[in-house]
N, C-alpha and C. Protein backbone atom coordinates (compact mmCIF):
# COMPACT_ATOMS: atom_id res chain seq x y z
N UNK A 1 -92.73 70.10 -0.27
CA UNK A 1 -92.76 70.52 -1.63
C UNK A 1 -94.29 70.80 -2.02
N UNK A 2 -95.25 70.06 -1.48
CA UNK A 2 -96.58 70.27 -1.90
C UNK A 2 -97.00 71.62 -1.19
N UNK A 3 -96.52 71.91 0.08
CA UNK A 3 -96.90 73.09 0.68
C UNK A 3 -96.33 74.35 -0.17
N UNK A 4 -95.18 74.13 -0.73
CA UNK A 4 -94.58 75.27 -1.53
C UNK A 4 -95.54 75.55 -2.69
N UNK A 5 -95.92 74.63 -3.49
CA UNK A 5 -96.81 74.79 -4.50
C UNK A 5 -98.18 75.31 -4.02
N UNK A 6 -98.65 74.80 -3.00
CA UNK A 6 -100.05 75.20 -2.48
C UNK A 6 -99.90 76.75 -2.02
N UNK A 7 -98.77 77.10 -1.31
CA UNK A 7 -98.64 78.47 -0.93
C UNK A 7 -98.64 79.49 -2.04
N UNK A 8 -97.89 79.03 -3.06
CA UNK A 8 -97.76 79.92 -4.25
C UNK A 8 -99.11 80.06 -5.02
N UNK A 9 -99.91 78.95 -5.05
CA UNK A 9 -101.19 78.88 -5.77
C UNK A 9 -102.16 79.81 -5.06
N UNK A 10 -102.17 79.67 -3.64
CA UNK A 10 -103.15 80.45 -2.91
C UNK A 10 -102.93 81.93 -3.03
N UNK A 11 -101.65 82.26 -2.97
CA UNK A 11 -101.24 83.72 -3.02
C UNK A 11 -101.44 84.32 -4.45
N UNK A 12 -101.00 83.59 -5.43
CA UNK A 12 -101.05 84.17 -6.73
C UNK A 12 -102.28 84.01 -7.51
N UNK A 13 -102.95 82.84 -7.43
CA UNK A 13 -104.18 82.62 -8.05
C UNK A 13 -105.32 83.22 -7.30
N UNK A 14 -105.45 82.93 -6.04
CA UNK A 14 -106.61 83.35 -5.30
C UNK A 14 -106.46 84.58 -4.56
N UNK A 15 -105.20 85.19 -4.60
CA UNK A 15 -104.96 86.42 -3.97
C UNK A 15 -105.09 86.44 -2.49
N UNK A 16 -104.89 85.33 -1.80
CA UNK A 16 -104.98 85.20 -0.39
C UNK A 16 -103.85 85.83 0.35
N UNK A 17 -103.99 86.55 1.37
CA UNK A 17 -102.97 87.22 2.09
C UNK A 17 -102.06 86.20 2.82
N UNK A 18 -100.81 86.57 3.13
CA UNK A 18 -99.82 85.68 3.85
C UNK A 18 -100.43 85.20 5.10
N UNK A 19 -100.92 86.09 5.95
CA UNK A 19 -101.40 85.66 7.31
C UNK A 19 -102.46 84.58 7.14
N UNK A 20 -103.39 84.70 6.16
CA UNK A 20 -104.50 83.70 5.99
C UNK A 20 -103.83 82.35 5.52
N UNK A 21 -102.92 82.42 4.57
CA UNK A 21 -102.28 81.23 4.13
C UNK A 21 -101.55 80.53 5.29
N UNK A 22 -100.78 81.28 6.15
CA UNK A 22 -100.15 80.66 7.26
C UNK A 22 -101.16 80.01 8.10
N UNK A 23 -102.20 80.63 8.41
CA UNK A 23 -103.22 80.09 9.38
C UNK A 23 -103.84 78.79 8.72
N UNK A 24 -104.20 78.85 7.46
CA UNK A 24 -104.95 77.78 6.85
C UNK A 24 -104.04 76.53 6.66
N UNK A 25 -102.75 76.70 6.38
CA UNK A 25 -101.78 75.50 6.28
C UNK A 25 -101.07 75.16 7.47
N UNK A 26 -101.23 76.00 8.46
CA UNK A 26 -100.54 75.69 9.80
C UNK A 26 -99.02 75.82 9.81
N UNK A 27 -98.54 76.91 9.07
CA UNK A 27 -97.12 77.17 8.95
C UNK A 27 -96.93 78.68 9.34
N UNK A 28 -95.69 78.94 9.62
CA UNK A 28 -95.40 80.41 10.01
C UNK A 28 -95.47 81.42 8.80
N UNK A 29 -95.63 82.61 9.21
CA UNK A 29 -95.68 83.59 8.15
C UNK A 29 -94.41 83.79 7.49
N UNK A 30 -93.37 83.61 8.17
CA UNK A 30 -92.05 83.71 7.60
C UNK A 30 -91.76 82.60 6.62
N UNK A 31 -92.32 81.37 6.96
CA UNK A 31 -92.28 80.29 5.88
C UNK A 31 -93.05 80.63 4.65
N UNK A 32 -94.19 81.19 4.82
CA UNK A 32 -94.89 81.61 3.61
C UNK A 32 -94.14 82.62 2.78
N UNK A 33 -93.60 83.55 3.52
CA UNK A 33 -92.70 84.69 2.73
C UNK A 33 -91.54 84.03 2.08
N UNK A 34 -90.84 83.03 2.71
CA UNK A 34 -89.72 82.32 2.00
C UNK A 34 -90.16 81.53 0.81
N UNK A 35 -91.46 80.93 0.93
CA UNK A 35 -91.88 80.17 -0.16
C UNK A 35 -92.24 81.00 -1.41
N UNK A 36 -92.82 82.21 -1.10
CA UNK A 36 -93.14 83.08 -2.20
C UNK A 36 -91.99 83.85 -2.83
N UNK A 37 -90.93 84.02 -2.04
CA UNK A 37 -89.70 84.62 -2.45
C UNK A 37 -88.70 83.77 -3.21
N UNK A 38 -88.89 82.40 -3.05
CA UNK A 38 -87.92 81.36 -3.62
C UNK A 38 -88.23 81.14 -5.09
N UNK A 39 -87.26 80.83 -5.86
CA UNK A 39 -87.34 80.55 -7.26
C UNK A 39 -88.02 79.17 -7.46
N UNK A 40 -87.68 78.17 -6.73
CA UNK A 40 -88.15 76.81 -6.86
C UNK A 40 -88.47 76.16 -5.53
N UNK A 41 -88.92 74.86 -5.58
CA UNK A 41 -89.28 74.21 -4.40
C UNK A 41 -88.01 74.00 -3.50
N UNK A 42 -88.17 73.88 -2.12
CA UNK A 42 -86.95 73.63 -1.36
C UNK A 42 -86.32 72.20 -1.69
N UNK A 43 -85.00 72.21 -1.66
CA UNK A 43 -84.37 70.91 -1.91
C UNK A 43 -83.50 70.60 -0.74
N UNK A 44 -83.28 69.33 -0.58
CA UNK A 44 -82.43 68.85 0.54
C UNK A 44 -81.03 68.70 -0.09
N UNK A 45 -80.07 69.25 0.60
CA UNK A 45 -78.70 69.04 0.13
C UNK A 45 -77.81 68.88 1.25
N UNK A 46 -76.88 67.97 1.11
CA UNK A 46 -75.89 67.72 2.19
C UNK A 46 -74.50 67.92 1.61
N UNK A 47 -73.57 68.48 2.34
CA UNK A 47 -72.27 68.66 1.83
C UNK A 47 -71.51 67.32 1.58
N UNK A 48 -70.71 67.29 0.58
CA UNK A 48 -70.10 65.99 0.32
C UNK A 48 -69.05 65.61 1.41
N UNK A 49 -69.14 64.39 1.85
CA UNK A 49 -68.26 63.94 2.89
C UNK A 49 -67.04 63.43 2.34
N UNK A 50 -65.75 63.78 2.86
CA UNK A 50 -64.56 63.29 2.37
C UNK A 50 -64.43 61.83 2.47
N UNK A 51 -63.76 61.26 1.51
CA UNK A 51 -63.44 59.76 1.50
C UNK A 51 -62.28 59.49 2.33
N UNK A 52 -62.19 58.22 2.80
CA UNK A 52 -61.04 57.80 3.51
C UNK A 52 -59.76 57.62 2.67
N UNK A 53 -60.02 57.56 1.29
CA UNK A 53 -58.98 57.37 0.34
C UNK A 53 -58.22 58.72 0.06
N UNK A 54 -58.84 59.85 0.27
CA UNK A 54 -58.33 61.06 0.02
C UNK A 54 -56.99 61.19 0.56
N UNK A 55 -56.66 60.71 1.75
CA UNK A 55 -55.46 60.95 2.32
C UNK A 55 -54.33 60.15 1.66
N UNK A 56 -54.73 59.00 1.07
CA UNK A 56 -53.73 58.17 0.35
C UNK A 56 -53.66 58.41 -1.12
N UNK A 57 -54.41 59.31 -1.70
CA UNK A 57 -54.42 59.49 -3.09
C UNK A 57 -53.06 59.93 -3.64
N UNK A 58 -52.31 60.85 -3.03
CA UNK A 58 -51.03 61.21 -3.59
C UNK A 58 -50.04 59.92 -3.71
N UNK A 59 -50.14 59.06 -2.76
CA UNK A 59 -49.30 57.87 -2.87
C UNK A 59 -49.79 56.99 -3.99
N UNK A 60 -51.11 56.87 -4.16
CA UNK A 60 -51.68 56.09 -5.19
C UNK A 60 -51.25 56.65 -6.56
N UNK A 61 -51.31 58.00 -6.74
CA UNK A 61 -50.93 58.63 -7.96
C UNK A 61 -49.47 58.38 -8.26
N UNK A 62 -48.62 58.47 -7.26
CA UNK A 62 -47.16 58.23 -7.49
C UNK A 62 -46.87 56.83 -7.93
N UNK A 63 -47.60 55.80 -7.39
CA UNK A 63 -47.33 54.37 -7.76
C UNK A 63 -47.82 54.25 -9.21
N UNK A 64 -49.03 54.78 -9.51
CA UNK A 64 -49.59 54.66 -10.87
C UNK A 64 -48.89 55.30 -11.90
N UNK A 65 -48.19 56.45 -11.64
CA UNK A 65 -47.25 57.06 -12.50
C UNK A 65 -46.14 56.27 -12.90
N UNK A 66 -45.56 55.52 -11.95
CA UNK A 66 -44.47 54.58 -12.17
C UNK A 66 -44.87 53.33 -12.86
N UNK A 67 -45.93 52.74 -12.31
CA UNK A 67 -46.54 51.49 -12.85
C UNK A 67 -47.97 51.60 -13.12
N UNK A 68 -48.42 51.99 -14.32
CA UNK A 68 -49.83 52.19 -14.52
C UNK A 68 -50.75 50.95 -14.46
N UNK A 69 -50.19 49.75 -14.69
CA UNK A 69 -50.97 48.53 -14.64
C UNK A 69 -50.91 47.91 -13.27
N UNK A 70 -50.27 48.45 -12.32
CA UNK A 70 -50.20 47.83 -11.02
C UNK A 70 -51.69 47.47 -10.39
N UNK A 71 -51.88 46.28 -10.01
CA UNK A 71 -53.20 45.93 -9.44
C UNK A 71 -53.50 46.75 -8.20
N UNK A 72 -54.73 46.99 -7.89
CA UNK A 72 -55.10 47.73 -6.65
C UNK A 72 -54.73 46.99 -5.43
N UNK A 73 -54.76 45.64 -5.43
CA UNK A 73 -54.29 44.89 -4.16
C UNK A 73 -52.75 45.18 -3.84
N UNK A 74 -52.00 45.22 -4.90
CA UNK A 74 -50.52 45.49 -4.81
C UNK A 74 -50.39 46.98 -4.21
N UNK A 75 -51.14 47.84 -4.84
CA UNK A 75 -51.08 49.23 -4.34
C UNK A 75 -51.49 49.30 -2.77
N UNK A 76 -52.48 48.59 -2.47
CA UNK A 76 -52.91 48.54 -1.07
C UNK A 76 -51.76 48.04 -0.17
N UNK A 77 -51.04 46.99 -0.59
CA UNK A 77 -49.90 46.55 0.24
C UNK A 77 -48.80 47.56 0.35
N UNK A 78 -48.51 48.24 -0.92
CA UNK A 78 -47.42 49.22 -0.92
C UNK A 78 -47.64 50.49 0.03
N UNK A 79 -48.91 50.90 0.03
CA UNK A 79 -49.23 52.10 0.78
C UNK A 79 -49.62 51.71 2.17
N UNK A 80 -49.69 50.43 2.59
CA UNK A 80 -50.11 50.12 3.93
C UNK A 80 -51.60 50.22 4.17
N UNK A 81 -52.36 49.98 3.18
CA UNK A 81 -53.89 50.22 3.33
C UNK A 81 -54.48 49.01 4.21
N UNK A 82 -55.21 49.38 5.20
CA UNK A 82 -55.76 48.43 6.16
C UNK A 82 -57.23 48.51 6.13
N UNK A 83 -57.86 49.32 5.41
CA UNK A 83 -59.31 49.53 5.30
C UNK A 83 -59.89 48.67 4.24
N UNK A 84 -61.16 49.06 3.83
CA UNK A 84 -61.89 48.28 2.87
C UNK A 84 -61.20 48.45 1.43
N UNK A 85 -60.98 47.28 0.73
CA UNK A 85 -60.39 47.37 -0.55
C UNK A 85 -61.31 47.85 -1.58
N UNK A 86 -62.59 47.72 -1.36
CA UNK A 86 -63.58 48.25 -2.35
C UNK A 86 -63.44 49.67 -2.67
N UNK A 87 -63.35 50.44 -1.49
CA UNK A 87 -63.15 51.89 -1.68
C UNK A 87 -61.84 52.27 -2.40
N UNK A 88 -60.78 51.55 -2.05
CA UNK A 88 -59.57 51.79 -2.77
C UNK A 88 -59.54 51.44 -4.18
N UNK A 89 -60.19 50.24 -4.52
CA UNK A 89 -60.27 49.86 -5.85
C UNK A 89 -61.17 50.83 -6.71
N UNK A 90 -62.14 51.36 -6.20
CA UNK A 90 -63.06 52.29 -6.82
C UNK A 90 -62.16 53.54 -7.22
N UNK A 91 -61.34 53.97 -6.32
CA UNK A 91 -60.52 55.23 -6.49
C UNK A 91 -59.39 54.86 -7.59
N UNK A 92 -58.82 53.78 -7.42
CA UNK A 92 -57.81 53.31 -8.48
C UNK A 92 -58.41 53.24 -9.87
N UNK A 93 -59.66 52.69 -9.87
CA UNK A 93 -60.30 52.66 -11.23
C UNK A 93 -60.62 54.03 -11.78
N UNK A 94 -60.81 55.02 -10.97
CA UNK A 94 -60.97 56.41 -11.47
C UNK A 94 -59.67 56.99 -11.94
N UNK A 95 -58.59 56.70 -11.18
CA UNK A 95 -57.39 57.31 -11.46
C UNK A 95 -56.46 56.73 -12.59
N UNK A 96 -56.69 55.39 -12.75
CA UNK A 96 -55.70 54.65 -13.72
C UNK A 96 -55.88 55.12 -15.11
N UNK A 97 -56.96 55.59 -15.66
CA UNK A 97 -56.97 56.08 -17.06
C UNK A 97 -56.12 57.33 -17.22
N UNK A 98 -55.79 57.96 -16.22
CA UNK A 98 -54.94 59.24 -16.23
C UNK A 98 -53.52 58.91 -16.54
N UNK A 99 -53.11 57.60 -16.23
CA UNK A 99 -51.74 57.30 -16.20
C UNK A 99 -51.45 56.18 -17.28
N UNK A 100 -52.43 55.56 -17.85
CA UNK A 100 -52.21 54.54 -18.91
C UNK A 100 -52.02 55.13 -20.31
N UNK A 101 -50.98 54.57 -21.00
CA UNK A 101 -50.81 55.14 -22.30
C UNK A 101 -51.86 54.81 -23.27
N UNK A 102 -52.15 55.61 -24.35
CA UNK A 102 -53.14 55.28 -25.20
C UNK A 102 -52.79 54.02 -26.15
N UNK A 103 -53.73 53.21 -26.47
CA UNK A 103 -53.41 52.00 -27.33
C UNK A 103 -53.52 52.42 -28.76
N UNK A 104 -52.55 52.12 -29.44
CA UNK A 104 -52.49 52.50 -31.00
C UNK A 104 -53.49 51.58 -31.72
N UNK A 105 -54.10 52.20 -32.71
CA UNK A 105 -54.97 51.43 -33.61
C UNK A 105 -54.25 50.64 -34.63
N UNK A 106 -54.78 49.58 -35.12
CA UNK A 106 -54.04 48.79 -36.13
C UNK A 106 -53.75 49.59 -37.33
N UNK A 107 -52.57 49.55 -37.86
CA UNK A 107 -52.16 50.23 -39.07
C UNK A 107 -51.66 51.63 -38.83
N UNK A 108 -51.72 52.12 -37.57
CA UNK A 108 -51.23 53.47 -37.27
C UNK A 108 -49.68 53.44 -37.15
N UNK A 109 -49.07 54.54 -37.37
CA UNK A 109 -47.59 54.61 -37.17
C UNK A 109 -47.16 54.55 -35.87
N UNK A 110 -45.96 54.05 -35.72
CA UNK A 110 -45.35 53.78 -34.37
C UNK A 110 -44.66 52.48 -34.41
N UNK A 111 -44.49 51.88 -33.25
CA UNK A 111 -43.78 50.59 -33.16
C UNK A 111 -44.85 49.46 -33.06
N UNK A 112 -45.83 49.56 -33.88
CA UNK A 112 -46.79 48.52 -33.91
C UNK A 112 -46.77 47.80 -35.27
N UNK A 113 -46.92 46.54 -35.23
CA UNK A 113 -47.08 45.77 -36.49
C UNK A 113 -48.20 44.79 -36.43
N UNK A 114 -48.65 44.33 -37.54
CA UNK A 114 -49.73 43.41 -37.63
C UNK A 114 -49.12 42.01 -37.61
N UNK A 115 -49.63 41.18 -36.87
CA UNK A 115 -49.08 39.75 -36.80
C UNK A 115 -49.41 39.03 -38.03
N UNK A 116 -48.46 38.25 -38.59
CA UNK A 116 -48.73 37.50 -39.73
C UNK A 116 -49.61 36.22 -39.44
N UNK A 117 -49.59 35.83 -38.12
CA UNK A 117 -50.25 34.63 -37.78
C UNK A 117 -51.73 34.85 -37.77
N UNK A 118 -52.28 36.01 -37.53
CA UNK A 118 -53.73 36.23 -37.57
C UNK A 118 -54.27 36.62 -38.94
N UNK A 119 -53.40 36.87 -39.90
CA UNK A 119 -53.91 37.22 -41.26
C UNK A 119 -54.37 35.96 -41.98
N UNK A 120 -55.49 36.00 -42.56
CA UNK A 120 -56.02 34.85 -43.32
C UNK A 120 -56.74 33.77 -42.51
N UNK A 121 -56.61 33.77 -41.23
CA UNK A 121 -57.31 32.83 -40.45
C UNK A 121 -58.78 33.20 -40.23
N UNK A 122 -59.68 32.30 -40.43
CA UNK A 122 -61.14 32.51 -40.54
C UNK A 122 -61.55 33.08 -39.11
N UNK A 123 -61.05 32.55 -38.09
CA UNK A 123 -61.58 33.08 -36.74
C UNK A 123 -60.78 34.36 -36.37
N UNK A 124 -59.78 34.64 -36.97
CA UNK A 124 -59.08 35.96 -36.46
C UNK A 124 -59.06 36.95 -37.58
N UNK A 125 -60.02 36.88 -38.49
CA UNK A 125 -59.97 37.79 -39.70
C UNK A 125 -60.06 39.28 -39.22
N UNK A 126 -60.71 39.59 -38.15
CA UNK A 126 -60.91 41.02 -37.72
C UNK A 126 -60.00 41.40 -36.65
N UNK A 127 -58.98 40.53 -36.22
CA UNK A 127 -58.13 40.85 -35.13
C UNK A 127 -56.80 41.33 -35.67
N UNK A 128 -56.19 42.14 -34.91
CA UNK A 128 -54.80 42.50 -35.32
C UNK A 128 -54.03 42.52 -33.97
N UNK A 129 -52.80 42.33 -33.93
CA UNK A 129 -51.95 42.27 -32.83
C UNK A 129 -51.08 43.49 -32.80
N UNK A 130 -51.02 44.21 -31.72
CA UNK A 130 -50.12 45.35 -31.59
C UNK A 130 -49.03 45.02 -30.72
N UNK A 131 -47.87 45.40 -30.95
CA UNK A 131 -46.62 45.10 -30.15
C UNK A 131 -46.10 46.52 -29.57
N UNK A 132 -45.72 46.45 -28.39
CA UNK A 132 -45.03 47.59 -27.82
C UNK A 132 -43.79 46.94 -27.13
N UNK A 133 -42.92 47.79 -26.66
CA UNK A 133 -41.74 47.34 -26.13
C UNK A 133 -41.86 46.31 -24.99
N UNK A 134 -42.94 46.50 -24.21
CA UNK A 134 -43.08 45.57 -23.05
C UNK A 134 -44.36 44.87 -23.05
N UNK A 135 -45.26 45.13 -24.02
CA UNK A 135 -46.54 44.46 -24.04
C UNK A 135 -47.02 44.03 -25.35
N UNK A 136 -48.10 43.21 -25.41
CA UNK A 136 -48.73 42.77 -26.58
C UNK A 136 -50.20 42.93 -26.42
N UNK A 137 -50.91 43.69 -27.35
CA UNK A 137 -52.37 43.75 -27.28
C UNK A 137 -53.01 43.08 -28.34
N UNK A 138 -54.07 42.42 -28.18
CA UNK A 138 -54.90 41.83 -29.25
C UNK A 138 -56.18 42.63 -29.40
N UNK A 139 -56.39 43.15 -30.56
CA UNK A 139 -57.62 43.96 -30.72
C UNK A 139 -58.49 43.21 -31.78
């Protein structure tokens, strides 16, 4: 990257020819030409490597669609996962929000009610309890 900046400085500011720049910096003339023609300094880039979880993702999505709260360890057992659990858990962590239902806010319409137990209690004055057909959330 330093060579790129130096090549451009020598050519543009000092008007040095390509051949002289190449000789002075010890690089090829084509390297100097590429540096002068490029918009920015050279960057290292490597293509993304596919993950070992990619092959199992359709099965994970299918299980999460049926049971959004299923733990990653149970998913691993169901799909026959024999590799690192960390990689699987990371992917499940990314996919789970796509399948979980949104939590209703207190006071919104729907099948949620505020619990009378928490009203008026000094420690729970800002909490409300939401009920769903199969779960209970405390907010």
